Amino acid sequence: MVAGDDTGWLAAFPPLTALEPEALGLLRAQARRMVVSRGTVVFTPGALCRHFMLVLDGAIRVQMVSENGREILLYRVARGETCILTTACLMTRADYSAEGIAESDVEAVAVAAQPFHALLARSAVFRDFVFASFGTRLTGLMMLVEEVAFGRIDLRLARLLLDRGGAAGGLDMTHQALAAELGTAREVVSRQLKEFERRGLVALTRGHIAVCDAGALAALAENGRHGP
């Protein structure tokens, strides 16, 4: 971790450019630039949260893993974003309940717990930024809970295939990775992909899923229409 005397990185977080002079001075003195290599475990369940992290580049995958190894993706933290779990742990002084892994090389700014709490107490701008970010991410998590609990796997899988591979005509992704994205079992995803292949929507090869009929997938995702 290296000190960052300038605050040019604030351009990635527009609300913070309006910080009060005192808060800006505190942030300038306490913020530290950091680089995390791809594949690095940023935090783990049970670990103490020591820093508030603001991501400048790259992405951190936040996920939960069950005792039997099943994964569910909670969200990703990308440029201009903060981690709701980190914020919650700092505010409640609780340990992490999930893990964060750098999906790419990540550049970020870290603010230690003590100055983070000082900024929350002294700066209305910083406080509004933190709670707005928290609220936005919480809404996304509630949507995830709704999808996992009530959403049909065929519709969710169709949306994911279009979002991640529609423009390129396919995606390089294992059935296990897809299952983690959707919060379900690998066997469920494999079975649904086989059904999509039977209907001519996709073509399956090892480690690759080719989108053959994006229009039909879009119709399924948006309207729940099934082919024969």
Protein backbone atom coordinates (compact mmCIF):
# COMPACT_ATOMS: atom_id res chain seq x y z
CA MET A 1 0.00 0.00 0.00
CA VAL A 2 1.42 3.40 -0.94
CA ALA A 3 0.47 6.89 0.11
CA GLY A 4 -1.43 9.03 -2.37
CA ASP A 5 -0.84 12.74 -1.75
CA ASP A 6 -3.03 13.87 -4.63
CA THR A 7 -6.76 13.33 -4.78
CA GLY A 8 -7.10 13.13 -8.56
CA TRP A 9 -8.66 9.73 -8.01
CA LEU A 10 -11.78 11.49 -6.69
CA ALA A 11 -12.88 11.87 -10.31
CA ALA A 12 -13.96 8.21 -10.10
CA PHE A 13 -16.36 9.19 -7.30
CA PRO A 14 -18.12 12.40 -8.41
CA PRO A 15 -20.08 12.96 -5.16
CA LEU A 16 -16.81 13.18 -3.23
CA THR A 17 -15.53 16.09 -5.33
CA ALA A 18 -17.88 18.28 -3.25
CA LEU A 19 -16.23 17.35 0.06
CA GLU A 20 -15.91 20.09 2.65
CA PRO A 21 -12.34 21.49 2.98
CA GLU A 22 -11.76 19.85 6.38
CA ALA A 23 -12.99 16.47 5.14
CA LEU A 24 -10.94 16.76 1.97
CA GLY A 25 -7.83 17.46 4.03
CA LEU A 26 -8.49 14.45 6.23
CA LEU A 27 -9.08 12.22 3.23
CA ARG A 28 -5.91 13.51 1.54
CA ALA A 29 -3.88 12.73 4.66
CA GLN A 30 -5.35 9.29 5.32
CA ALA A 31 -6.21 7.73 1.95
CA ARG A 32 -3.72 5.21 0.62
CA ARG A 33 -3.46 3.96 -2.93
CA MET A 34 -3.15 0.20 -3.27
CA VAL A 35 -2.79 -2.39 -6.03
CA VAL A 36 -4.11 -5.94 -5.68
CA SER A 37 -3.09 -8.67 -8.11
CA ARG A 38 -5.64 -10.80 -9.91
CA GLY A 39 -6.67 -13.83 -7.84
CA THR A 40 -5.79 -12.23 -4.51
CA VAL A 41 -8.20 -12.97 -1.67
CA VAL A 42 -9.04 -9.49 -0.41
CA PHE A 43 -11.04 -10.64 2.62
CA THR A 44 -12.41 -13.88 4.07
CA PRO A 45 -15.29 -14.88 6.37
CA GLY A 46 -14.39 -14.17 9.99
CA ALA A 47 -11.70 -11.63 9.12
CA LEU A 48 -11.63 -8.23 10.79
CA CYS A 49 -12.47 -5.30 8.51
CA ARG A 50 -9.73 -2.67 8.77
CA HIS A 51 -10.23 -0.43 5.73
CA PHE A 52 -12.94 1.24 3.65
CA MET A 53 -12.05 0.53 0.03
CA LEU A 54 -12.92 2.61 -3.02
CA VAL A 55 -12.19 0.82 -6.29
CA LEU A 56 -10.53 2.82 -9.08
CA ASP A 57 -9.97 0.05 -11.61
CA GLY A 58 -10.63 -3.67 -11.95
CA ALA A 59 -13.24 -5.70 -10.11
CA ILE A 60 -13.59 -7.59 -6.84
CA ARG A 61 -15.99 -10.53 -6.71
CA VAL A 62 -17.86 -10.85 -3.41
CA GLN A 63 -19.30 -14.32 -2.82
CA MET A 64 -20.44 -16.77 -0.18
CA VAL A 65 -19.33 -20.41 -0.15
CA SER A 66 -21.25 -23.14 1.65
CA GLU A 67 -19.67 -25.98 3.61
CA ASN A 68 -20.11 -28.29 0.62
CA GLY A 69 -18.34 -25.83 -1.68
CA ARG A 70 -21.36 -24.35 -3.43
CA GLU A 71 -20.82 -20.70 -4.34
CA ILE A 72 -23.19 -17.80 -4.86
CA LEU A 73 -22.12 -14.47 -6.29
CA LEU A 74 -23.42 -11.59 -4.20
CA TYR A 75 -22.08 -8.71 -6.28
CA ARG A 76 -18.99 -7.24 -7.91
CA VAL A 77 -17.23 -4.04 -6.85
CA ALA A 78 -15.94 -2.16 -9.91
CA ARG A 79 -14.60 1.32 -10.72
CA GLY A 80 -16.41 4.04 -8.82
CA GLU A 81 -17.96 1.62 -6.34
CA THR A 82 -17.55 0.58 -2.72
CA CYS A 83 -18.27 -2.69 -0.93
CA ILE A 84 -21.51 -2.82 1.06
CA LEU A 85 -20.19 -5.67 3.20
CA THR A 86 -17.09 -3.68 4.11
CA THR A 87 -19.24 -0.67 4.97
CA ALA A 88 -21.54 -2.79 7.15
CA CYS A 89 -18.60 -4.42 8.95
CA LEU A 90 -16.99 -1.06 9.65
CA MET A 91 -20.20 0.49 10.96
CA THR A 92 -21.15 -2.49 13.14
CA ARG A 93 -17.57 -3.50 13.97
CA ALA A 94 -18.43 -7.04 12.89
CA ASP A 95 -16.23 -9.51 11.01
CA TYR A 96 -16.67 -10.33 7.34
CA SER A 97 -19.32 -12.95 6.51
CA ALA A 98 -18.28 -13.54 2.88
CA GLU A 99 -15.12 -13.50 0.78
CA GLY A 100 -13.81 -11.03 -1.74
CA ILE A 101 -11.50 -12.08 -4.58
CA ALA A 102 -9.84 -9.85 -7.15
CA GLU A 103 -11.15 -10.95 -10.56
CA SER A 104 -8.52 -8.78 -12.25
CA ASP A 105 -5.68 -6.56 -11.16
CA VAL A 106 -7.35 -3.99 -8.92
CA GLU A 107 -6.34 -0.45 -8.14
CA ALA A 108 -8.09 1.08 -5.16
CA VAL A 109 -7.93 3.64 -2.39
CA ALA A 110 -8.16 2.47 1.21
CA VAL A 111 -9.16 4.53 4.24
CA ALA A 112 -8.49 2.99 7.66
CA ALA A 113 -11.34 2.45 10.11
CA GLN A 114 -10.57 5.38 12.41
CA PRO A 115 -10.49 8.11 9.74
CA PHE A 116 -13.48 6.47 8.04
CA HIS A 117 -15.53 6.94 11.21
CA ALA A 118 -14.17 10.48 11.60
CA LEU A 119 -15.27 11.35 8.07
CA LEU A 120 -18.71 9.87 8.71
CA ALA A 121 -19.07 12.01 11.83
CA ARG A 122 -17.72 15.28 10.38
CA SER A 123 -18.72 15.33 6.72
CA ALA A 124 -22.29 15.41 5.46
CA VAL A 125 -21.01 14.90 1.89
CA PHE A 126 -19.02 11.78 2.81
CA ARG A 127 -21.89 10.44 4.91
CA ASP A 128 -24.37 10.90 2.06
CA PHE A 129 -21.97 9.18 -0.35
CA VAL A 130 -21.49 6.17 1.94
CA PHE A 131 -25.20 5.69 2.63
CA ALA A 132 -26.22 6.26 -1.00
CA SER A 133 -23.71 3.62 -2.10
CA PHE A 134 -24.93 1.31 0.64
CA GLY A 135 -28.55 1.77 -0.36
CA THR A 136 -27.91 1.18 -4.05
CA ARG A 137 -26.03 -2.04 -3.38
CA LEU A 138 -28.64 -3.21 -0.86
CA THR A 139 -31.34 -2.82 -3.51
CA GLY A 140 -29.29 -5.03 -5.81
CA LEU A 141 -28.90 -7.66 -3.10
CA MET A 142 -32.65 -7.67 -2.47
CA MET A 143 -33.21 -8.27 -6.17
CA LEU A 144 -30.74 -11.15 -6.01
CA VAL A 145 -32.61 -12.70 -3.08
CA GLU A 146 -35.88 -12.36 -5.00
CA GLU A 147 -34.40 -13.96 -8.11
CA VAL A 148 -32.82 -16.86 -6.23
CA ALA A 149 -35.93 -17.49 -4.16
CA PHE A 150 -38.60 -16.97 -6.78
CA GLY A 151 -37.05 -16.62 -10.22
CA ARG A 152 -37.22 -19.38 -12.82
CA ILE A 153 -33.78 -20.74 -13.61
CA ASP A 154 -34.43 -20.89 -17.37
CA LEU A 155 -35.29 -17.19 -17.53
CA ARG A 156 -32.34 -16.19 -15.36
CA LEU A 157 -29.92 -18.37 -17.33
CA ALA A 158 -31.19 -16.92 -20.62
CA ARG A 159 -30.61 -13.37 -19.33
CA LEU A 160 -27.13 -14.25 -18.13
CA LEU A 161 -26.15 -15.82 -21.45
CA LEU A 162 -27.31 -12.71 -23.29
CA ASP A 163 -25.69 -10.27 -20.86
CA ARG A 164 -22.33 -12.03 -20.75
CA GLY A 165 -22.07 -13.51 -24.23
CA GLY A 166 -24.80 -12.17 -26.50
CA ALA A 167 -22.74 -9.58 -28.39
CA ALA A 168 -19.79 -11.95 -28.79
CA GLY A 169 -22.00 -14.86 -29.79
CA GLY A 170 -20.99 -16.93 -26.79
CA LEU A 171 -18.92 -17.08 -23.65
CA ASP A 172 -16.09 -19.11 -22.17
CA MET A 173 -17.49 -20.20 -18.84
CA THR A 174 -17.87 -23.49 -17.01
CA HIS A 175 -21.21 -24.80 -15.82
CA GLN A 176 -19.91 -24.46 -12.24
CA ALA A 177 -19.09 -20.78 -12.77
CA LEU A 178 -22.55 -20.18 -14.22
CA ALA A 179 -24.11 -21.95 -11.24
CA ALA A 180 -22.19 -19.67 -8.88
CA GLU A 181 -23.45 -16.61 -10.77
CA LEU A 182 -27.04 -17.84 -10.52
CA GLY A 183 -26.88 -19.20 -6.98
CA THR A 184 -27.88 -22.72 -7.92
CA ALA A 185 -26.32 -26.16 -8.37
CA ARG A 186 -24.09 -27.09 -11.32
CA GLU A 187 -26.38 -30.00 -12.18
CA VAL A 188 -29.34 -27.62 -12.54
CA VAL A 189 -27.41 -25.38 -14.92
CA SER A 190 -26.11 -28.33 -16.96
CA ARG A 191 -29.60 -29.75 -17.31
CA GLN A 192 -31.03 -26.39 -18.44
CA LEU A 193 -28.19 -25.83 -20.93
CA LYS A 194 -28.84 -29.26 -22.43
CA GLU A 195 -32.47 -28.26 -22.88
CA PHE A 196 -31.42 -24.99 -24.54
CA GLU A 197 -29.14 -26.97 -26.84
CA ARG A 198 -31.97 -29.37 -27.73
CA ARG A 199 -34.08 -26.38 -28.75
CA GLY A 200 -31.27 -24.89 -30.84
CA LEU A 201 -30.69 -21.88 -28.62
CA VAL A 202 -27.07 -22.68 -27.74
CA ALA A 203 -24.29 -25.07 -28.74
CA LEU A 204 -22.16 -26.60 -26.01
CA THR A 205 -18.48 -27.50 -26.17
CA ARG A 206 -16.01 -27.97 -23.35
CA GLY A 207 -15.63 -24.66 -21.53
CA HIS A 208 -17.58 -22.71 -24.17
CA ILE A 209 -21.24 -21.90 -24.75
CA ALA A 210 -22.14 -20.54 -28.20
CA VAL A 211 -25.31 -18.48 -28.47
CA CYS A 212 -27.11 -19.75 -31.60
CA ASP A 213 -30.44 -17.94 -31.32
CA ALA A 214 -30.12 -14.71 -29.34
CA GLY A 215 -33.62 -13.63 -30.38
CA ALA A 216 -35.24 -16.69 -28.88
CA LEU A 217 -33.20 -16.32 -25.70
CA ALA A 218 -34.25 -12.67 -25.46
CA ALA A 219 -37.90 -13.62 -25.91
CA LEU A 220 -37.57 -16.22 -23.17
CA ALA A 221 -35.77 -13.85 -20.82
CA GLU A 222 -38.18 -10.99 -21.31
CA ASN A 223 -41.52 -12.69 -21.75
CA GLY A 224 -41.15 -16.24 -20.47
CA ARG A 225 -42.11 -17.68 -23.84
CA HIS A 226 -41.01 -21.27 -24.46
CA GLY A 227 -40.27 -22.90 -27.75
CA PRO A 228 -41.50 -26.33 -28.65
